[in-house]
Amino acid sequence: MKSSRSRSRSKSSRNRNSGGGGGNVVNRVFDSSGPEGKVRGTPQQIIDKYNQLARDAQLSGDRVATENFQQHAEHYLRMLSEAQREIDARREEQERQNRERQAERDRERAQRQEQESNPPGNADPAKAPQPDVVDSEGDSGLVETPESQPKPKSTRSRSRKPKAAAPAPATDAPSEPAPDNGSAPEAAE
């Protein structure tokens, strides 16, 4: 059999762990030692029980017991209202963060849509910044390249191969190679 001393120690450590500021106070079950014995339940249940005991004491004419029960009820009412304030503050902070995240997503979406509707390669040339045009006759300071020089007129006429006629009937004789007119195929410009 355990001594009462060890029992009270384990009981006090159990109360210490379940007490304190952490956890959800609104739904937590408390053991309240009031003037009429223990009252067990959530803070709202304990408040209701102490208020009922206070009404009963008032009807019986015991003002001291009425005040005592009201004070016990007020204690749990304060605990409950503080816990509710913390919950509301956390909810407001969470909603603020959600609004900020949503606003950021909306901005990013708008930027993506703008980029998709106006790709950088297809920009309107009329809206693009235009270079200054300098009208100068003579030396412009630019290096002449073969592309910028006018093309010389060719003195030789270009001959083209005649279009292929209908296919000739197949013969056993080998076909003659096409006459070489000395022109090399030109590169496409």
Protein backbone atom coordinates (compact mmCIF):
# COMPACT_ATOMS: atom_id res chain seq x y z
CA MET A 1 0.00 0.00 0.00
CA LYS A 2 1.32 3.41 -0.97
CA SER A 3 1.67 6.11 1.57
CA SER A 4 -0.54 9.20 1.28
CA ARG A 5 2.57 11.27 0.78
CA SER A 6 3.57 9.50 -2.48
CA ARG A 7 -0.04 9.64 -3.66
CA SER A 8 -0.22 13.39 -3.14
CA ARG A 9 3.10 13.87 -4.95
CA SER A 10 1.95 11.98 -8.03
CA LYS A 11 -1.37 13.81 -7.93
CA SER A 12 0.32 17.20 -7.81
CA SER A 13 2.63 16.33 -10.72
CA ARG A 14 -0.39 15.18 -12.74
CA ASN A 15 -2.14 18.50 -12.10
CA ARG A 16 0.99 20.42 -13.04
CA ASN A 17 1.26 18.64 -16.41
CA SER A 18 -2.38 19.15 -17.31
CA GLY A 19 -2.43 22.72 -15.99
CA GLY A 20 -0.47 25.62 -17.37
CA GLY A 21 -0.97 27.80 -20.39
CA GLY A 22 -0.51 25.20 -23.14
CA GLY A 23 -3.25 23.24 -24.86
CA ASN A 24 -6.81 24.00 -25.73
CA VAL A 25 -8.41 25.38 -22.56
CA VAL A 26 -11.87 25.57 -24.12
CA ASN A 27 -12.21 21.77 -24.49
CA ARG A 28 -9.95 20.65 -21.65
CA VAL A 29 -11.50 18.92 -18.65
CA PHE A 30 -10.75 20.49 -15.26
CA ASP A 31 -11.23 19.27 -11.70
CA SER A 32 -12.36 22.21 -9.60
CA SER A 33 -12.34 21.93 -5.84
CA GLY A 34 -15.15 24.18 -4.74
CA PRO A 35 -16.84 24.67 -1.36
CA GLU A 36 -19.30 21.85 -2.07
CA GLY A 37 -16.68 19.38 -3.29
CA LYS A 38 -15.20 18.68 -6.70
CA VAL A 39 -16.73 19.91 -9.90
CA ARG A 40 -15.41 18.26 -13.05
CA GLY A 41 -15.81 19.35 -16.69
CA THR A 42 -14.85 21.85 -19.33
CA PRO A 43 -14.65 25.50 -18.27
CA GLN A 44 -18.15 26.17 -19.63
CA GLN A 45 -19.60 23.17 -17.77
CA ILE A 46 -17.89 24.27 -14.54
CA ILE A 47 -19.20 27.85 -14.96
CA ASP A 48 -22.73 26.53 -15.47
CA LYS A 49 -22.47 24.26 -12.41
CA TYR A 50 -21.15 27.05 -10.14
CA ASN A 51 -23.83 29.45 -11.39
CA GLN A 52 -26.49 26.83 -10.56
CA LEU A 53 -24.98 26.31 -7.10
CA ALA A 54 -24.92 30.11 -6.59
CA ARG A 55 -28.66 30.35 -7.49
CA ASP A 56 -29.47 27.49 -5.12
CA ALA A 57 -27.49 29.16 -2.31
CA GLN A 58 -29.23 32.48 -2.97
CA LEU A 59 -32.67 30.83 -2.82
CA SER A 60 -31.74 29.25 0.50
CA GLY A 61 -30.61 32.67 1.79
CA ASP A 62 -26.88 31.88 2.14
CA ARG A 63 -25.20 35.04 0.84
CA VAL A 64 -21.65 33.88 1.70
CA ALA A 65 -22.02 30.61 -0.29
CA THR A 66 -23.68 32.54 -3.14
CA GLU A 67 -20.68 34.92 -3.38
CA ASN A 68 -18.21 32.01 -3.11
CA PHE A 69 -19.86 30.09 -5.98
CA GLN A 70 -20.01 33.25 -8.09
CA GLN A 71 -16.29 33.85 -7.55
CA HIS A 72 -15.50 30.29 -8.60
CA ALA A 73 -17.64 30.72 -11.71
CA GLU A 74 -15.95 34.06 -12.47
CA HIS A 75 -12.50 32.42 -12.28
CA TYR A 76 -13.41 29.89 -14.98
CA LEU A 77 -15.20 32.58 -16.97
CA ARG A 78 -11.97 34.61 -17.08
CA MET A 79 -9.97 31.54 -18.10
CA LEU A 80 -12.46 30.82 -20.86
CA SER A 81 -12.56 34.40 -22.15
CA GLU A 82 -8.73 34.60 -22.19
CA ALA A 83 -8.53 31.35 -24.12
CA GLN A 84 -11.17 32.64 -26.54
CA ARG A 85 -9.18 35.87 -27.06
CA GLU A 86 -6.07 33.83 -27.87
CA ILE A 87 -8.03 31.68 -30.31
CA ASP A 88 -9.49 34.78 -31.99
CA ALA A 89 -6.04 36.41 -32.21
CA ARG A 90 -4.59 33.25 -33.80
CA ARG A 91 -7.52 33.07 -36.23
CA GLU A 92 -7.11 36.75 -37.21
CA GLU A 93 -3.37 36.25 -37.74
CA GLN A 94 -4.03 33.16 -39.85
CA GLU A 95 -6.63 35.05 -41.91
CA ARG A 96 -4.22 37.95 -42.42
CA GLN A 97 -1.50 35.57 -43.60
CA ASN A 98 -3.98 33.85 -45.92
CA ARG A 99 -5.04 37.22 -47.39
CA GLU A 100 -1.38 38.15 -47.97
CA ARG A 101 -0.67 34.80 -49.64
CA GLN A 102 -3.77 35.14 -51.82
CA ALA A 103 -2.81 38.70 -52.82
CA GLU A 104 0.69 37.48 -53.76
CA ARG A 105 -0.79 34.62 -55.84
CA ASP A 106 -3.13 37.10 -57.56
CA ARG A 107 -0.21 39.40 -58.41
CA GLU A 108 1.83 36.49 -59.80
CA ARG A 109 -1.15 35.28 -61.84
CA ALA A 110 -1.71 38.77 -63.28
CA GLN A 111 1.98 39.02 -64.23
CA ARG A 112 1.89 35.61 -65.93
CA GLN A 113 -1.25 36.53 -67.86
CA GLU A 114 0.31 39.82 -68.94
CA GLN A 115 3.48 38.05 -70.10
CA GLU A 116 1.45 35.44 -71.98
CA SER A 117 -0.67 38.05 -73.74
CA ASN A 118 2.35 40.25 -74.62
CA PRO A 119 5.33 37.99 -75.40
CA PRO A 120 8.59 39.94 -75.64
CA GLY A 121 9.32 38.82 -79.27
CA ASN A 122 5.94 40.02 -80.57
CA ALA A 123 5.97 43.46 -79.06
CA ASP A 124 4.19 46.17 -81.03
CA PRO A 125 6.95 47.96 -82.98
CA ALA A 126 5.03 51.23 -82.87
CA LYS A 127 5.27 51.20 -79.06
CA ALA A 128 8.94 50.21 -78.97
CA PRO A 129 11.53 52.97 -78.53
CA GLN A 130 12.70 54.15 -81.96
CA PRO A 131 16.33 55.07 -82.77
CA ASP A 132 17.23 58.60 -83.77
CA VAL A 133 17.65 58.94 -87.54
CA VAL A 134 20.57 61.03 -88.71
CA ASP A 135 20.25 62.22 -92.30
CA SER A 136 23.78 62.58 -93.55
CA GLU A 137 24.99 62.47 -97.10
CA GLY A 138 28.37 60.95 -97.57
CA ASP A 139 30.45 59.16 -94.99
CA SER A 140 28.23 57.75 -92.28
CA GLY A 141 31.07 56.14 -90.37
CA LEU A 142 29.71 52.67 -91.08
CA VAL A 143 31.80 49.89 -92.56
CA GLU A 144 30.50 48.70 -95.89
CA THR A 145 29.71 45.03 -96.07
CA PRO A 146 28.97 42.93 -99.15
CA GLU A 147 25.30 42.85 -98.18
CA SER A 148 25.07 46.63 -98.19
CA GLN A 149 26.60 47.02 -101.69
CA PRO A 150 24.32 46.91 -104.74
CA LYS A 151 24.41 43.64 -106.62
CA PRO A 152 26.20 43.77 -109.99
CA LYS A 153 24.09 42.84 -112.99
CA SER A 154 25.11 39.53 -114.42
CA THR A 155 26.13 39.62 -118.08
CA ARG A 156 25.56 35.94 -118.52
CA SER A 157 22.05 34.75 -118.94
CA ARG A 158 21.02 32.09 -116.62
CA SER A 159 19.87 28.97 -118.27
CA ARG A 160 17.51 26.69 -116.57
CA LYS A 161 16.98 23.03 -117.11
CA PRO A 162 13.88 22.31 -119.10
CA LYS A 163 11.09 20.76 -117.15
CA ALA A 164 11.10 17.02 -117.28
CA ALA A 165 8.82 15.71 -119.99
CA ALA A 166 6.73 12.63 -119.65
CA PRO A 167 8.85 9.66 -118.75
CA ALA A 168 10.42 7.98 -121.75
CA PRO A 169 9.72 4.36 -122.41
CA ALA A 170 12.21 2.10 -120.73
CA THR A 171 14.97 0.89 -123.01
CA ASP A 172 17.90 -1.33 -122.45
CA ALA A 173 20.33 1.37 -123.56
CA PRO A 174 22.02 3.42 -120.86
CA SER A 175 20.91 7.00 -120.64
CA GLU A 176 23.28 9.80 -121.58
CA PRO A 177 24.42 12.20 -118.90
CA ALA A 178 23.04 15.74 -119.09
CA PRO A 179 25.30 18.20 -120.91
CA ASP A 180 27.36 20.36 -118.56
CA ASN A 181 26.85 24.01 -119.42
CA GLY A 182 29.45 25.16 -116.96
CA SER A 183 27.15 26.81 -114.48
CA ALA A 184 27.35 25.91 -110.86
CA PRO A 185 24.20 25.93 -108.75
CA GLU A 186 23.84 29.23 -106.92
CA ALA A 187 23.30 29.45 -103.21
CA ALA A 188 19.92 30.67 -102.10
CA GLU A 189 19.89 34.23 -100.88
